[in-house]
N, C-alpha and C. Protein backbone atom coordinates (compact mmCIF):
# COMPACT_ATOMS: atom_id res chain seq x y z
N UNK A 1 8.29 -9.31 -11.28
CA UNK A 1 7.78 -8.16 -10.58
C UNK A 1 6.46 -8.50 -9.65
N UNK A 2 6.51 -7.65 -8.76
CA UNK A 2 5.28 -7.43 -7.77
C UNK A 2 4.14 -7.14 -8.26
N UNK A 3 2.89 -7.21 -7.83
CA UNK A 3 1.57 -6.84 -7.71
C UNK A 3 1.75 -5.34 -7.54
N UNK A 4 0.61 -4.70 -8.16
CA UNK A 4 0.77 -3.28 -8.32
C UNK A 4 0.18 -2.88 -6.97
N UNK A 5 0.76 -1.53 -6.52
CA UNK A 5 0.09 -1.10 -4.68
C UNK A 5 -0.75 0.05 -5.71
N UNK A 6 -2.34 -0.18 -4.43
CA UNK A 6 -3.30 0.87 -4.96
C UNK A 6 -3.06 2.09 -4.05
N UNK A 7 -3.19 3.17 -3.94
CA UNK A 7 -3.39 4.25 -2.76
C UNK A 7 -4.22 4.84 -2.78
N UNK A 8 -5.35 5.00 -2.18
CA UNK A 8 -6.60 5.92 -2.10
C UNK A 8 -5.79 7.68 -1.52
N UNK A 9 -6.53 8.24 -2.87
CA UNK A 9 -5.83 9.76 -2.44
C UNK A 9 -6.81 10.34 -1.89
N UNK A 10 -8.04 10.26 -2.25
CA UNK A 10 -9.35 10.84 -1.76
C UNK A 10 -10.70 10.69 -2.03
N UNK A 11 -11.24 10.50 -1.09
CA UNK A 11 -12.96 10.13 -0.86
C UNK A 11 -13.36 11.31 -0.88
N UNK A 12 -14.59 11.46 -1.43
CA UNK A 12 -15.53 13.03 -1.07
C UNK A 12 -16.40 12.82 0.02
N UNK A 13 -16.97 11.56 0.34
CA UNK A 13 -17.69 11.23 1.40
C UNK A 13 -17.65 10.19 2.27
N UNK A 14 -17.52 9.82 3.24
CA UNK A 14 -17.33 8.40 3.88
C UNK A 14 -18.62 7.65 4.16
N UNK A 15 -19.87 8.48 4.03
CA UNK A 15 -20.90 7.85 4.14
C UNK A 15 -22.11 7.83 3.08
N UNK A 16 -22.55 7.38 2.41
CA UNK A 16 -23.61 7.77 1.49
C UNK A 16 -25.10 7.11 1.82
N UNK A 17 -26.29 7.93 1.70
CA UNK A 17 -27.29 7.45 1.60
C UNK A 17 -28.29 7.70 0.70
N UNK A 18 -29.70 7.90 0.66
CA UNK A 18 -30.77 7.98 -0.10
C UNK A 18 -30.77 9.14 -0.50
N UNK A 19 -30.34 10.47 -0.11
CA UNK A 19 -30.86 11.62 0.49
C UNK A 19 -30.29 12.29 -1.23
N UNK A 20 -30.52 12.86 -1.86
CA UNK A 20 -30.02 13.69 -3.05
C UNK A 20 -29.18 14.47 -2.40
N UNK A 21 -28.02 14.65 -2.99
CA UNK A 21 -26.91 15.31 -2.92
C UNK A 21 -25.87 14.54 -1.76
N UNK A 22 -26.34 13.69 -0.91
CA UNK A 22 -25.54 12.53 -0.26
C UNK A 22 -25.54 11.04 -0.53
N UNK A 23 -25.73 11.00 -1.88
CA UNK A 23 -26.16 9.43 -2.21
C UNK A 23 -24.95 9.26 -3.18
N UNK A 24 -23.67 9.99 -2.89
CA UNK A 24 -22.57 9.39 -4.08
C UNK A 24 -21.38 9.64 -3.02
N UNK A 25 -20.14 9.32 -3.60
CA UNK A 25 -18.92 9.11 -3.14
C UNK A 25 -18.10 9.45 -4.65
N UNK A 26 -17.33 10.57 -4.58
CA UNK A 26 -15.86 10.19 -5.72
C UNK A 26 -14.73 10.01 -5.21
N UNK A 27 -14.28 8.57 -5.26
CA UNK A 27 -12.91 7.86 -5.03
C UNK A 27 -11.79 8.37 -5.65
N UNK A 28 -10.32 8.87 -5.62
CA UNK A 28 -9.68 9.33 -6.39
C UNK A 28 -8.20 8.38 -6.21
N UNK A 29 -7.89 7.40 -7.09
CA UNK A 29 -6.76 6.91 -6.50
C UNK A 29 -5.61 6.92 -7.52
N UNK A 30 -4.28 6.01 -6.87
CA UNK A 30 -3.18 6.42 -7.75
C UNK A 30 -2.09 4.77 -7.40
N UNK A 31 -1.42 4.66 -8.06
CA UNK A 31 -0.99 3.61 -8.04
C UNK A 31 0.70 3.48 -8.51
N UNK A 32 1.21 2.73 -7.88
CA UNK A 32 2.96 2.56 -8.33
C UNK A 32 3.39 1.86 -9.79
N UNK A 33 2.61 1.49 -10.30
CA UNK A 33 2.72 0.78 -11.90
C UNK A 33 1.86 1.25 -12.98
N UNK A 34 2.10 1.31 -14.23
CA UNK A 34 0.98 1.11 -15.19
C UNK A 34 0.28 -0.24 -15.15
N UNK A 35 -1.30 0.18 -15.45
CA UNK A 35 -2.30 -0.57 -14.97
C UNK A 35 -2.84 -0.87 -16.66
N UNK A 36 -2.99 -2.38 -16.83
CA UNK A 36 -3.52 -2.32 -18.13
C UNK A 36 -5.43 -2.68 -17.99
N UNK A 37 -5.65 -2.86 -16.39
CA UNK A 37 -7.05 -3.03 -15.89
C UNK A 37 -6.90 -2.64 -14.83
N UNK A 38 -8.23 -2.26 -14.20
CA UNK A 38 -8.69 -1.98 -12.84
C UNK A 38 -10.02 -2.30 -12.71
N UNK A 39 -10.27 -2.44 -11.07
CA UNK A 39 -11.70 -2.26 -10.76
C UNK A 39 -11.81 -1.85 -9.35
N UNK A 40 -13.21 -1.51 -8.82
CA UNK A 40 -13.48 -1.20 -7.78
C UNK A 40 -14.55 -2.07 -7.07
N UNK A 41 -14.55 -2.75 -6.26
CA UNK A 41 -15.34 -3.80 -5.81
C UNK A 41 -15.92 -3.33 -4.05
N UNK A 42 -17.21 -3.54 -3.78
CA UNK A 42 -17.52 -3.28 -3.17
C UNK A 42 -17.86 -4.65 -1.98
N UNK A 43 -17.65 -5.24 -1.16
CA UNK A 43 -17.29 -6.40 -0.66
C UNK A 43 -16.58 -7.54 -1.20
N UNK A 44 -16.58 -8.41 -0.97
CA UNK A 44 -15.57 -9.25 -1.67
C UNK A 44 -14.38 -9.61 -1.15
N UNK A 45 -13.82 -10.76 -1.55
CA UNK A 45 -12.44 -10.89 -0.93
C UNK A 45 -11.29 -11.04 -2.38
N UNK A 46 -11.46 -10.27 -3.18
CA UNK A 46 -10.34 -10.17 -4.47
C UNK A 46 -10.93 -9.88 -5.66
N UNK A 47 -10.70 -10.03 -6.84
CA UNK A 47 -10.53 -9.62 -7.92
C UNK A 47 -12.12 -10.33 -8.77
N UNK A 48 -13.21 -9.67 -9.35
CA UNK A 48 -14.37 -10.32 -9.58
C UNK A 48 -15.11 -10.78 -8.63
N UNK A 49 -15.29 -10.39 -7.10
CA UNK A 49 -16.01 -10.40 -6.11
C UNK A 49 -16.65 -9.74 -5.57
N UNK A 50 -17.80 -9.91 -5.19
CA UNK A 50 -18.65 -8.73 -4.73
C UNK A 50 -19.52 -7.56 -5.98
N UNK A 51 -19.30 -6.61 -5.22
CA UNK A 51 -20.19 -5.48 -5.79
C UNK A 51 -19.29 -4.82 -6.71
N UNK A 52 -19.41 -4.90 -8.37
CA UNK A 52 -18.68 -3.75 -9.17
C UNK A 52 -18.94 -2.26 -8.89
N UNK A 53 -18.69 -1.18 -8.26
CA UNK A 53 -18.83 -0.30 -8.33
C UNK A 53 -17.78 0.95 -9.02
N UNK A 54 -17.00 0.17 -10.06
CA UNK A 54 -16.06 0.99 -10.40
C UNK A 54 -14.72 0.29 -11.34
N UNK A 55 -14.97 0.63 -12.92
CA UNK A 55 -13.56 -0.14 -13.55
C UNK A 55 -13.13 0.34 -14.66
N UNK A 56 -11.91 0.05 -15.17
CA UNK A 56 -11.61 0.42 -16.58
C UNK A 56 -11.01 -0.46 -16.89
N UNK A 57 -11.60 -1.17 -18.12
CA UNK A 57 -10.85 -2.26 -18.56
C UNK A 57 -10.20 -1.90 -19.94
N UNK A 58 -10.74 -0.96 -20.55
CA UNK A 58 -10.01 -0.98 -21.98
C UNK A 58 -9.12 0.43 -21.93
N UNK A 59 -8.39 0.31 -23.09
CA UNK A 59 -6.96 1.26 -22.87
C UNK A 59 -7.78 2.80 -23.14
N UNK A 60 -6.88 3.68 -22.60
CA UNK A 60 -7.40 5.36 -22.35
C UNK A 60 -6.12 5.72 -22.94
N UNK A 61 -4.82 5.06 -23.09
CA UNK A 61 -3.99 5.98 -23.40
C UNK A 61 -2.53 5.33 -23.39
N UNK A 62 -2.28 4.63 -24.69
CA UNK A 62 -0.92 4.11 -25.13
C UNK A 62 -1.09 2.60 -24.56
N UNK A 63 -2.29 1.97 -24.74
CA UNK A 63 -2.51 0.67 -24.31
C UNK A 63 -2.85 0.43 -23.12
N UNK A 64 -2.79 1.49 -22.06
CA UNK A 64 -3.23 1.48 -20.84
C UNK A 64 -4.18 1.66 -20.21
N UNK A 65 -5.03 1.45 -19.21
CA UNK A 65 -6.18 1.53 -18.50
C UNK A 65 -6.03 2.96 -17.82
N UNK A 66 -4.42 2.96 -16.76
CA UNK A 66 -3.87 3.77 -16.19
C UNK A 66 -2.80 3.83 -16.05
N UNK A 67 -2.07 4.69 -16.74
CA UNK A 67 -0.75 4.99 -17.15
C UNK A 67 0.27 6.40 -16.24
N UNK A 68 1.33 6.10 -15.46
CA UNK A 68 1.94 6.92 -15.14
C UNK A 68 2.52 7.96 -15.89
N UNK A 69 2.35 9.24 -15.26
CA UNK A 69 2.99 9.79 -16.22
C UNK A 69 4.23 10.75 -15.98
N UNK A 70 5.02 11.01 -16.32
CA UNK A 70 6.62 11.79 -15.72
C UNK A 70 5.93 12.73 -15.20
N UNK A 71 6.10 13.23 -14.05
CA UNK A 71 6.03 14.33 -13.43
C UNK A 71 6.60 15.71 -13.87
N UNK A 72 7.46 15.53 -14.42
CA UNK A 72 8.76 16.98 -14.77
C UNK A 72 8.22 17.22 -15.92
N UNK A 73 8.07 15.98 -17.10
CA UNK A 73 7.67 16.63 -18.45
C UNK A 73 6.46 17.59 -18.36
N UNK A 74 5.75 16.94 -17.49
CA UNK A 74 4.54 17.69 -17.51
C UNK A 74 4.41 18.97 -16.62
N UNK A 75 4.93 19.07 -15.90
CA UNK A 75 5.32 20.45 -14.97
C UNK A 75 5.52 21.11 -16.11
N UNK A 76 6.89 21.04 -16.89
CA UNK A 76 7.23 21.85 -17.68
C UNK A 76 6.51 22.11 -18.81
N UNK A 77 5.59 21.56 -19.26
CA UNK A 77 4.54 22.02 -20.51
C UNK A 77 3.65 22.65 -19.64
N UNK A 78 3.33 22.41 -18.23
CA UNK A 78 2.24 23.59 -17.35
C UNK A 78 2.90 24.90 -17.59
N UNK A 79 4.06 24.82 -17.10
CA UNK A 79 4.36 26.04 -15.87
C UNK A 79 5.88 26.41 -16.79
N UNK A 80 6.29 25.71 -17.76
CA UNK A 80 7.53 26.34 -18.09
C UNK A 80 8.99 25.84 -17.41
N UNK A 81 9.88 26.21 -17.97
CA UNK A 81 10.91 25.69 -17.77
C UNK A 81 11.69 25.93 -16.44
N UNK A 82 11.36 27.07 -15.95
CA UNK A 82 12.07 27.85 -14.70
C UNK A 82 10.83 27.55 -13.57
N UNK A 83 11.68 27.37 -12.24
CA UNK A 83 10.57 26.78 -11.12
C UNK A 83 9.70 27.91 -10.63
N UNK A 84 10.29 29.44 -10.96
CA UNK A 84 9.62 30.25 -10.19
C UNK A 84 8.16 30.41 -11.19
N UNK A 85 8.46 30.15 -12.24
CA UNK A 85 7.21 30.03 -13.26
C UNK A 85 5.71 29.23 -12.47
N UNK A 86 6.39 28.55 -11.77
CA UNK A 86 5.39 27.27 -11.07
C UNK A 86 4.10 27.71 -10.36
N UNK A 87 4.70 28.62 -9.67
CA UNK A 87 3.98 29.69 -8.44
C UNK A 87 3.89 28.36 -7.49
N UNK A 88 2.52 28.18 -6.65
CA UNK A 88 2.66 27.84 -5.66
C UNK A 88 3.23 26.10 -5.90
N UNK A 89 3.09 25.77 -6.98
CA UNK A 89 3.22 24.22 -7.25
C UNK A 89 4.31 23.87 -6.91
N UNK A 90 4.75 22.41 -6.20
CA UNK A 90 6.22 22.07 -5.89
C UNK A 90 6.07 20.82 -7.19
N UNK A 91 7.54 20.32 -7.28
CA UNK A 91 7.56 18.95 -7.75
C UNK A 91 6.93 18.12 -7.22
N UNK A 92 6.93 17.87 -5.71
CA UNK A 92 6.05 16.69 -5.08
C UNK A 92 4.75 16.99 -5.40
N UNK A 93 4.14 18.30 -5.50
CA UNK A 93 2.85 18.10 -5.85
C UNK A 93 2.30 17.75 -7.03
N UNK A 94 2.96 17.46 -8.01
CA UNK A 94 2.56 17.03 -9.28
C UNK A 94 2.02 15.39 -9.37
N UNK A 95 0.77 15.07 -10.03
CA UNK A 95 0.59 13.89 -9.81
C UNK A 95 1.09 12.94 -10.84
N UNK A 96 1.12 11.55 -10.15
CA UNK A 96 1.68 10.81 -11.20
C UNK A 96 0.76 9.93 -12.08
N UNK A 97 -0.23 10.53 -11.80
CA UNK A 97 -1.34 9.81 -12.73
C UNK A 97 -2.32 9.07 -11.68
N UNK A 98 -3.45 9.12 -12.03
CA UNK A 98 -4.38 8.28 -10.70
C UNK A 98 -5.75 8.50 -12.25
N UNK A 99 -6.73 8.13 -10.97
CA UNK A 99 -7.95 7.86 -11.95
C UNK A 99 -8.96 7.77 -10.75
N UNK A 100 -10.32 8.18 -11.22
CA UNK A 100 -11.49 8.35 -10.22
C UNK A 100 -12.62 7.78 -10.83
N UNK A 101 -13.45 7.20 -9.69
CA UNK A 101 -14.44 6.61 -10.12
C UNK A 101 -15.57 6.91 -9.26
N UNK A 102 -17.35 6.94 -8.99
CA UNK A 102 -18.02 7.35 -8.25
C UNK A 102 -18.59 6.48 -7.97
N UNK A 103 -18.95 5.85 -6.09
CA UNK A 103 -19.30 5.11 -5.80
C UNK A 103 -20.92 5.33 -5.54
N UNK A 104 -21.91 5.09 -6.47
CA UNK A 104 -23.38 5.35 -6.14
C UNK A 104 -24.67 4.29 -5.19
N UNK A 105 -25.17 5.14 -4.54
CA UNK A 105 -25.72 4.49 -3.29
C UNK A 105 -26.75 3.64 -4.10
N UNK A 106 -27.09 3.43 -5.19
CA UNK A 106 -27.86 2.64 -5.88
C UNK A 106 -27.19 1.31 -6.21
N UNK A 107 -25.87 1.36 -6.38
CA UNK A 107 -25.03 0.36 -6.80
C UNK A 107 -24.67 -0.58 -5.46
N UNK A 108 -25.19 -0.19 -4.35
CA UNK A 108 -24.69 -1.10 -3.12
C UNK A 108 -25.99 -1.62 -2.66
N UNK A 109 -26.38 -2.72 -3.60
CA UNK A 109 -27.24 -3.46 -3.24
C UNK A 109 -27.91 -4.67 -2.17
N UNK A 110 -26.52 -4.72 -1.26
CA UNK A 110 -26.83 -5.70 -0.19
C UNK A 110 -27.13 -4.84 0.79
N UNK A 111 -28.13 -4.15 1.06
CA UNK A 111 -29.01 -3.61 2.06
C UNK A 111 -28.14 -2.44 2.62
N UNK A 112 -28.93 -2.01 3.40
CA UNK A 112 -28.20 -0.94 4.23
C UNK A 112 -27.17 -1.53 5.85
N UNK A 113 -25.86 -1.13 5.25
CA UNK A 113 -24.95 -1.34 6.30
C UNK A 113 -23.54 -0.73 5.72
N UNK A 114 -22.95 -1.15 6.52
CA UNK A 114 -21.16 -0.33 6.24
C UNK A 114 -20.85 -1.52 4.86
N UNK A 115 -20.29 -0.83 3.97
CA UNK A 115 -19.53 -1.55 3.04
C UNK A 115 -17.87 -0.96 2.73
N UNK A 116 -17.10 -1.99 2.80
CA UNK A 116 -15.74 -1.58 2.38
C UNK A 116 -15.39 -1.75 0.66
N UNK A 117 -15.03 -0.91 0.15
CA UNK A 117 -14.67 -0.77 -1.48
C UNK A 117 -12.90 -1.28 -1.46
N UNK A 118 -12.70 -2.10 -2.28
CA UNK A 118 -11.45 -2.53 -2.77
C UNK A 118 -11.00 -1.92 -4.21
N UNK A 119 -10.13 -1.82 -4.43
CA UNK A 119 -9.55 -1.33 -5.54
C UNK A 119 -8.77 -2.23 -6.40
N UNK A 120 -8.62 -3.26 -7.29
CA UNK A 120 -7.77 -4.25 -7.75
C UNK A 120 -6.93 -3.71 -8.87
N UNK A 121 -5.75 -3.50 -9.24
CA UNK A 121 -4.97 -3.18 -10.43
C UNK A 121 -4.55 -4.30 -11.30
N UNK A 122 -4.08 -4.62 -12.24
CA UNK A 122 -3.49 -5.64 -13.23
C UNK A 122 -2.67 -4.95 -13.98
N UNK A 123 -1.28 -5.38 -13.43
CA UNK A 123 -0.17 -4.68 -14.53
C UNK A 123 0.14 -5.23 -15.57
N UNK A 124 1.29 -4.99 -16.05
CA UNK A 124 1.64 -5.71 -17.30
C UNK A 124 2.10 -7.17 -17.53
N UNK A 125 2.28 -7.96 -16.32
CA UNK A 125 2.66 -9.19 -16.22
C UNK A 125 1.61 -9.85 -15.90
N UNK A 126 0.32 -9.55 -15.73
CA UNK A 126 -1.25 -9.87 -15.44
C UNK A 126 -1.24 -10.24 -14.22
N UNK A 127 -0.49 -9.52 -13.09
CA UNK A 127 -0.58 -9.63 -11.70
C UNK A 127 -1.48 -8.59 -11.24
N UNK A 128 -2.29 -9.21 -10.40
CA UNK A 128 -3.56 -8.53 -9.91
C UNK A 128 -3.33 -7.91 -8.06
N UNK A 129 -3.74 -6.83 -7.53
CA UNK A 129 -3.23 -6.04 -6.70
C UNK A 129 -4.13 -7.31 -5.92
N UNK A 130 -3.17 -7.72 -4.71
CA UNK A 130 -4.13 -8.86 -3.45
C UNK A 130 -5.16 -7.98 -3.03
N UNK A 131 -6.12 -8.96 -2.18
CA UNK A 131 -7.18 -8.30 -1.09
C UNK A 131 -6.53 -8.15 -0.14
N UNK A 132 -6.97 -6.82 0.86
CA UNK A 132 -6.57 -6.62 1.96
C UNK A 132 -7.57 -6.30 2.37
N UNK A 133 -7.81 -6.88 3.53
CA UNK A 133 -8.99 -7.01 4.73
C UNK A 133 -8.81 -6.16 5.63
């Protein structure tokens, strides 16, 4: 099996600083595989390198830190069996499982500069997402 692919779905702000209200950013990501654990790092060039800004190392659901969900079953539970009951939602708009973490300005301790945040996930075979520069 290949290592997981991480997709950043949203970032609440691209620049953060010391000003209250502008001092953090919420990041939401998804993956193409169930994850046993994940971590987000500022700087560094791989797992365990750089400043830790988010992580999930313990199981949240069924032994996984991030488990993909069947969007069809979730849709039926939310909207019923008829597509007309879904309203504005579509099958493609249903999330397959995602995680969120907050990057706080106080976590970025290597000075006032531009930081790159990388997210790494580990699948059931123990393979971690590779560093992408």
